[in-house]
Amino acid sequence: MFNTFLPYVIATSILVTQHYLSIRPKGFWGAILPSAYIITFISGGIYGLYSFSNIGTVLVIGMGGTSMLLGIWLSGRQKVANKYKKE
């Protein structure tokens, strides 16, 4: 039963960590996870760690994950900018 929820727990913790890193005063902390995701996804494809039969699936997962992490990063950066404007 725990194996069923483990991917959701990992994904949620990654998204929470991404949000936390994106609202730090220095913006490069929030760029770590999207960069690591891209590098891991590309290297996993090169070394054959994924068994996707359709290239469309690979593109959707790769682009979807990257856009989600970058969207959280941009949202956090906007919150920081608005916070500094108010001060």
C-alpha atoms as a PDB file:
ATOM      1  CA  MET A   1       0.000   0.000   0.000  1.00  0.00           C
ATOM      2  CA  PHE A   2       2.838   2.387   0.785  1.00  0.00           C
ATOM      3  CA  ASN A   3       4.331   1.729  -2.646  1.00  0.00           C
ATOM      4  CA  THR A   4       1.160   3.133  -4.176  1.00  0.00           C
ATOM      5  CA  PHE A   5       1.490   6.461  -2.386  1.00  0.00           C
ATOM      6  CA  LEU A   6       5.274   6.782  -2.543  1.00  0.00           C
ATOM      7  CA  PRO A   7       5.396   8.494  -5.982  1.00  0.00           C
ATOM      8  CA  TYR A   8       2.789  11.020  -4.811  1.00  0.00           C
ATOM      9  CA  VAL A   9       4.712  11.731  -1.629  1.00  0.00           C
ATOM     10  CA  ILE A  10       7.925  12.246  -3.599  1.00  0.00           C
ATOM     11  CA  ALA A  11       6.233  14.485  -6.185  1.00  0.00           C
ATOM     12  CA  THR A  12       4.539  16.575  -3.501  1.00  0.00           C
ATOM     13  CA  SER A  13       7.765  17.009  -1.577  1.00  0.00           C
ATOM     14  CA  ILE A  14       9.564  18.099  -4.757  1.00  0.00           C
ATOM     15  CA  LEU A  15       6.876  20.689  -5.532  1.00  0.00           C
ATOM     16  CA  VAL A  16       6.886  22.017  -1.946  1.00  0.00           C
ATOM     17  CA  THR A  17      10.677  22.237  -2.019  1.00  0.00           C
ATOM     18  CA  GLN A  18      10.523  24.053  -5.361  1.00  0.00           C
ATOM     19  CA  HIS A  19       8.075  26.577  -3.947  1.00  0.00           C
ATOM     20  CA  TYR A  20      10.257  27.139  -0.888  1.00  0.00           C
ATOM     21  CA  LEU A  21      13.399  27.624  -2.971  1.00  0.00           C
ATOM     22  CA  SER A  22      11.656  29.981  -5.386  1.00  0.00           C
ATOM     23  CA  ILE A  23      10.665  32.467  -2.677  1.00  0.00           C
ATOM     24  CA  ARG A  24      14.218  32.869  -1.357  1.00  0.00           C
ATOM     25  CA  PRO A  25      15.726  36.336  -1.874  1.00  0.00           C
ATOM     26  CA  LYS A  26      18.326  34.994  -4.318  1.00  0.00           C
ATOM     27  CA  GLY A  27      16.676  33.658  -7.451  1.00  0.00           C
ATOM     28  CA  PHE A  28      19.196  30.992  -8.403  1.00  0.00           C
ATOM     29  CA  TRP A  29      18.045  28.631  -5.611  1.00  0.00           C
ATOM     30  CA  GLY A  30      14.737  28.138  -7.396  1.00  0.00           C
ATOM     31  CA  ALA A  31      16.526  27.294 -10.647  1.00  0.00           C
ATOM     32  CA  ILE A  32      18.223  24.250  -9.139  1.00  0.00           C
ATOM     33  CA  LEU A  33      15.314  21.790  -9.382  1.00  0.00           C
ATOM     34  CA  PRO A  34      14.231  22.647 -12.955  1.00  0.00           C
ATOM     35  CA  SER A  35      17.839  22.351 -14.086  1.00  0.00           C
ATOM     36  CA  ALA A  36      18.289  19.052 -12.252  1.00  0.00           C
ATOM     37  CA  TYR A  37      15.029  17.754 -13.754  1.00  0.00           C
ATOM     38  CA  ILE A  38      16.146  18.583 -17.290  1.00  0.00           C
ATOM     39  CA  ILE A  39      19.586  17.047 -16.770  1.00  0.00           C
ATOM     40  CA  THR A  40      18.137  13.911 -15.156  1.00  0.00           C
ATOM     41  CA  PHE A  41      15.493  13.502 -17.833  1.00  0.00           C
ATOM     42  CA  ILE A  42      17.967  13.861 -20.694  1.00  0.00           C
ATOM     43  CA  SER A  43      20.608  11.620 -19.131  1.00  0.00           C
ATOM     44  CA  GLY A  44      17.968   9.016 -18.273  1.00  0.00           C
ATOM     45  CA  GLY A  45      16.867   8.993 -21.891  1.00  0.00           C
ATOM     46  CA  ILE A  46      20.429   8.669 -23.127  1.00  0.00           C
ATOM     47  CA  TYR A  47      21.238   5.779 -20.810  1.00  0.00           C
ATOM     48  CA  GLY A  48      17.915   4.021 -21.438  1.00  0.00           C
ATOM     49  CA  LEU A  49      16.432   4.305 -17.953  1.00  0.00           C
ATOM     50  CA  TYR A  50      12.952   4.967 -19.314  1.00  0.00           C
ATOM     51  CA  SER A  51      10.899   2.467 -21.270  1.00  0.00           C
ATOM     52  CA  PHE A  52       8.512   4.774 -23.130  1.00  0.00           C
ATOM     53  CA  SER A  53       7.352   3.333 -26.411  1.00  0.00           C
ATOM     54  CA  ASN A  54       6.103   6.628 -27.805  1.00  0.00           C
ATOM     55  CA  ILE A  55       8.276   9.724 -28.275  1.00  0.00           C
ATOM     56  CA  GLY A  56       5.188  11.884 -27.733  1.00  0.00           C
ATOM     57  CA  THR A  57       4.870  10.562 -24.198  1.00  0.00           C
ATOM     58  CA  VAL A  58       8.486  11.448 -23.514  1.00  0.00           C
ATOM     59  CA  LEU A  59       7.983  14.971 -24.827  1.00  0.00           C
ATOM     60  CA  VAL A  60       4.797  15.532 -22.827  1.00  0.00           C
ATOM     61  CA  ILE A  61       6.375  14.308 -19.584  1.00  0.00           C
ATOM     62  CA  GLY A  62       9.599  16.224 -20.174  1.00  0.00           C
ATOM     63  CA  MET A  63       7.998  19.485 -21.186  1.00  0.00           C
ATOM     64  CA  GLY A  64       5.191  19.194 -18.653  1.00  0.00           C
ATOM     65  CA  GLY A  65       7.502  18.663 -15.706  1.00  0.00           C
ATOM     66  CA  THR A  66       9.845  21.407 -16.801  1.00  0.00           C
ATOM     67  CA  SER A  67       7.037  23.903 -17.356  1.00  0.00           C
ATOM     68  CA  MET A  68       5.490  23.039 -13.977  1.00  0.00           C
ATOM     69  CA  LEU A  69       8.754  23.595 -12.107  1.00  0.00           C
ATOM     70  CA  LEU A  70       9.517  26.785 -14.040  1.00  0.00           C
ATOM     71  CA  GLY A  71       5.979  28.065 -13.426  1.00  0.00           C
ATOM     72  CA  ILE A  72       6.390  27.585  -9.680  1.00  0.00           C
ATOM     73  CA  TRP A  73       9.751  29.331  -9.856  1.00  0.00           C
ATOM     74  CA  LEU A  74       8.339  32.331 -11.732  1.00  0.00           C
ATOM     75  CA  SER A  75       5.404  32.566  -9.344  1.00  0.00           C
ATOM     76  CA  GLY A  76       7.753  32.626  -6.385  1.00  0.00           C
ATOM     77  CA  ARG A  77       9.946  35.273  -7.988  1.00  0.00           C
ATOM     78  CA  GLN A  78       6.866  37.451  -8.553  1.00  0.00           C
ATOM     79  CA  LYS A  79       5.920  37.092  -4.880  1.00  0.00           C
ATOM     80  CA  VAL A  80       9.415  38.199  -3.861  1.00  0.00           C
ATOM     81  CA  ALA A  81       9.297  41.173  -6.255  1.00  0.00           C
ATOM     82  CA  ASN A  82       5.891  42.247  -4.929  1.00  0.00           C
ATOM     83  CA  LYS A  83       7.153  41.906  -1.353  1.00  0.00           C
ATOM     84  CA  TYR A  84      10.103  44.207  -2.070  1.00  0.00           C
ATOM     85  CA  LYS A  85       7.837  46.724  -3.840  1.00  0.00           C
ATOM     86  CA  LYS A  86       5.670  47.019  -0.732  1.00  0.00           C
ATOM     87  CA  GLU A  87       8.679  47.730   1.477  1.00  0.00           C
END
